[in-house]
N, C-alpha and C. Protein backbone atom coordinates (compact mmCIF):
# COMPACT_ATOMS: atom_id res chain seq x y z
N MET A 1 -9.71 -16.66 53.52
CA MET A 1 -7.87 -16.01 54.27
C MET A 1 -7.17 -17.12 53.18
N LEU A 2 -7.73 -18.01 52.54
CA LEU A 2 -6.71 -18.67 52.10
C LEU A 2 -6.38 -18.46 50.55
N THR A 3 -8.60 -18.21 50.05
CA THR A 3 -8.27 -16.29 48.22
C THR A 3 -6.24 -15.71 48.49
N PHE A 4 -6.92 -15.25 48.93
CA PHE A 4 -6.12 -14.42 49.49
C PHE A 4 -4.21 -14.72 49.43
N ILE A 5 -4.35 -15.97 50.20
CA ILE A 5 -2.97 -16.44 50.23
C ILE A 5 -2.82 -16.89 48.20
N GLN A 6 -3.75 -17.89 48.20
CA GLN A 6 -3.90 -18.40 46.96
C GLN A 6 -3.89 -17.34 45.40
N ASN A 7 -4.28 -16.14 45.80
CA ASN A 7 -4.26 -14.54 44.51
C ASN A 7 -3.23 -14.83 45.34
N TYR A 8 -2.21 -14.88 46.25
CA TYR A 8 -0.44 -13.69 46.59
C TYR A 8 0.22 -14.92 45.36
N TRP A 9 -0.05 -15.92 45.65
CA TRP A 9 0.60 -17.20 45.44
C TRP A 9 1.26 -17.08 43.64
N ASP A 10 -0.48 -17.06 42.93
CA ASP A 10 -0.65 -17.17 41.34
C ASP A 10 -0.12 -15.42 41.50
N ALA A 11 0.25 -14.33 41.82
CA ALA A 11 0.77 -13.56 41.42
C ALA A 11 2.18 -13.45 41.59
N LEU A 12 2.81 -13.61 42.62
CA LEU A 12 4.20 -14.56 42.80
C LEU A 12 4.43 -15.30 41.04
N VAL A 13 3.92 -16.01 41.39
CA VAL A 13 3.96 -16.92 40.01
C VAL A 13 4.16 -16.73 39.04
N MET A 14 3.17 -16.19 38.64
CA MET A 14 2.61 -14.23 37.38
C MET A 14 4.49 -13.54 36.97
N MET A 15 4.87 -13.21 38.35
CA MET A 15 5.64 -12.37 38.19
C MET A 15 6.31 -13.31 38.17
N THR A 16 6.95 -13.66 38.43
CA THR A 16 8.51 -14.73 37.97
C THR A 16 9.01 -14.73 36.78
N ALA A 17 7.84 -16.03 36.17
CA ALA A 17 7.63 -16.41 35.29
C ALA A 17 8.53 -15.26 34.11
N GLU A 18 7.59 -13.97 34.63
CA GLU A 18 7.06 -12.98 33.31
C GLU A 18 9.01 -11.82 34.04
N MET A 19 9.67 -11.99 34.59
CA MET A 19 11.59 -11.87 35.03
C MET A 19 12.13 -12.38 34.43
N ALA A 20 11.96 -13.56 34.58
CA ALA A 20 13.11 -15.21 34.23
C ALA A 20 13.58 -14.44 33.00
N PRO A 21 12.98 -14.27 31.99
CA PRO A 21 13.97 -13.89 30.82
C PRO A 21 14.82 -12.77 30.92
N TYR A 22 14.55 -11.36 32.03
CA TYR A 22 15.03 -10.81 32.21
C TYR A 22 16.85 -11.78 33.06
N LEU A 23 16.16 -12.06 33.84
CA LEU A 23 16.78 -12.08 34.63
C LEU A 23 18.03 -13.00 33.93
N LEU A 24 17.21 -14.48 33.69
CA LEU A 24 18.38 -14.85 32.64
C LEU A 24 19.06 -13.65 31.85
N LEU A 25 18.96 -13.44 30.75
CA LEU A 25 19.81 -12.02 30.00
C LEU A 25 20.33 -11.53 30.98
N GLY A 26 20.17 -10.77 32.45
CA GLY A 26 21.46 -10.63 33.27
C GLY A 26 22.00 -10.93 33.94
N PHE A 27 21.88 -12.47 34.36
CA PHE A 27 23.36 -13.26 33.70
C PHE A 27 24.05 -14.01 33.42
N PHE A 28 23.52 -13.99 31.82
CA PHE A 28 24.31 -14.26 30.31
C PHE A 28 25.52 -13.44 31.03
N ILE A 29 24.82 -12.51 30.33
CA ILE A 29 25.84 -10.81 30.59
C ILE A 29 26.51 -10.32 31.00
N ALA A 30 25.93 -10.89 32.66
CA ALA A 30 27.23 -11.11 34.17
C ALA A 30 28.48 -12.24 34.11
N GLY A 31 27.60 -13.43 33.48
CA GLY A 31 29.05 -14.22 32.92
C GLY A 31 30.33 -13.40 32.08
N LEU A 32 29.30 -12.97 30.82
CA LEU A 32 30.09 -13.38 29.70
C LEU A 32 31.03 -11.28 30.07
N LEU A 33 31.03 -10.61 31.25
CA LEU A 33 31.68 -9.58 31.39
C LEU A 33 32.92 -10.75 32.57
N ARG A 34 32.52 -11.18 33.11
CA ARG A 34 33.15 -11.75 34.32
C ARG A 34 34.32 -12.62 33.57
N ALA A 35 33.81 -13.42 32.02
CA ALA A 35 35.07 -14.05 31.91
C ALA A 35 35.87 -13.35 30.61
N PHE A 36 35.20 -12.26 30.18
CA PHE A 36 36.12 -11.45 29.07
C PHE A 36 36.69 -10.94 29.53
N VAL A 37 36.01 -10.21 30.74
CA VAL A 37 37.00 -8.32 31.00
C VAL A 37 37.60 -8.88 32.12
N PRO A 38 38.94 -7.64 32.08
CA PRO A 38 40.20 -8.25 32.85
C PRO A 38 39.48 -7.28 34.05
N HIS A 39 39.59 -7.86 35.99
CA HIS A 39 39.18 -7.07 36.71
C HIS A 39 39.99 -5.85 36.63
N GLY A 40 41.04 -5.45 36.58
CA GLY A 40 41.90 -4.24 36.49
C GLY A 40 41.16 -3.53 35.62
N LEU A 41 40.52 -3.19 34.73
CA LEU A 41 40.31 -2.47 34.22
C LEU A 41 38.49 -2.19 35.48
N TYR A 42 37.36 -2.59 35.95
CA TYR A 42 36.50 -2.46 36.11
C TYR A 42 37.40 -1.89 37.48
N SER A 43 38.40 -2.20 38.57
CA SER A 43 39.19 -1.48 39.61
C SER A 43 39.67 0.29 39.26
N ARG A 44 40.00 0.59 37.38
CA ARG A 44 40.61 1.20 36.97
C ARG A 44 39.78 2.09 36.43
N HIS A 45 38.81 1.97 35.80
CA HIS A 45 37.24 2.46 36.27
C HIS A 45 36.57 3.13 37.69
N LEU A 46 36.49 2.60 38.02
CA LEU A 46 35.36 2.24 39.13
C LEU A 46 36.24 1.84 40.90
N ALA A 47 37.14 2.19 41.00
CA ALA A 47 37.39 2.26 42.22
C ALA A 47 38.14 3.81 42.46
N PRO A 48 38.06 4.40 41.98
CA PRO A 48 38.66 5.79 42.39
C PRO A 48 37.41 6.50 43.08
N ARG A 49 36.94 7.30 44.34
CA ARG A 49 36.33 7.70 45.08
C ARG A 49 35.17 8.95 44.66
N ASN A 50 34.94 8.92 43.22
CA ASN A 50 34.66 10.11 43.06
C ASN A 50 33.09 10.43 42.14
N MET A 51 32.55 11.49 41.78
CA MET A 51 30.81 11.77 40.75
C MET A 51 31.65 10.66 39.67
N LYS A 52 32.47 10.70 38.96
CA LYS A 52 32.27 10.06 37.35
C LYS A 52 32.46 9.08 37.99
N SER A 53 32.81 8.16 38.25
CA SER A 53 32.59 6.26 38.62
C SER A 53 31.60 5.53 39.07
N VAL A 54 30.91 6.85 39.85
CA VAL A 54 29.71 6.60 40.46
C VAL A 54 28.87 6.83 39.28
N VAL A 55 29.03 7.36 37.95
CA VAL A 55 27.72 7.57 36.79
C VAL A 55 27.81 6.00 36.71
N LYS A 56 30.02 5.97 35.84
CA LYS A 56 30.26 4.98 34.81
C LYS A 56 29.61 3.34 35.68
N ALA A 57 29.25 3.14 37.28
CA ALA A 57 28.98 2.43 37.75
C ALA A 57 26.94 2.05 37.19
N ALA A 58 27.00 2.60 37.56
CA ALA A 58 25.51 2.90 37.10
C ALA A 58 25.46 2.70 36.10
N LEU A 59 25.85 3.25 34.00
CA LEU A 59 25.96 3.27 33.58
C LEU A 59 25.89 1.52 33.56
N LEU A 60 27.20 0.76 34.28
CA LEU A 60 27.15 -0.59 33.66
C LEU A 60 26.20 -1.47 34.67
N GLY A 61 25.51 -0.65 35.74
CA GLY A 61 24.88 -1.33 35.65
C GLY A 61 23.36 -1.04 35.06
N ILE A 62 22.62 -0.46 35.09
CA ILE A 62 21.76 0.16 33.62
C ILE A 62 21.35 -1.65 33.62
N PRO A 63 21.71 -1.98 32.03
CA PRO A 63 21.13 -2.87 31.79
C PRO A 63 21.25 -4.61 32.95
N LEU A 64 22.26 -4.85 33.67
CA LEU A 64 21.77 -5.62 34.81
C LEU A 64 20.28 -5.79 35.70
N PRO A 65 19.25 -6.27 35.45
CA PRO A 65 19.01 -6.47 36.51
C PRO A 65 19.07 -6.69 37.52
N LEU A 66 19.94 -7.21 37.31
CA LEU A 66 20.72 -7.75 39.58
C LEU A 66 21.20 -6.96 39.94
N CYS A 67 21.73 -6.27 39.31
CA CYS A 67 22.57 -4.58 40.01
C CYS A 67 21.55 -3.92 40.64
């Protein structure tokens, strides 16, 4: 049982270390968007309930690994 827990912990730490640069990049891009893109721009393009706004939201979310 102890070996299983240690293997699980090692895999979790390794996976977190591999994801860290991408998460930090995602946080950085999200911070830039929050700081420099006006809120009205998001509302205008993503608020309508149609397929076009869903596609736009998906395309915006692709580069951000936190979405």
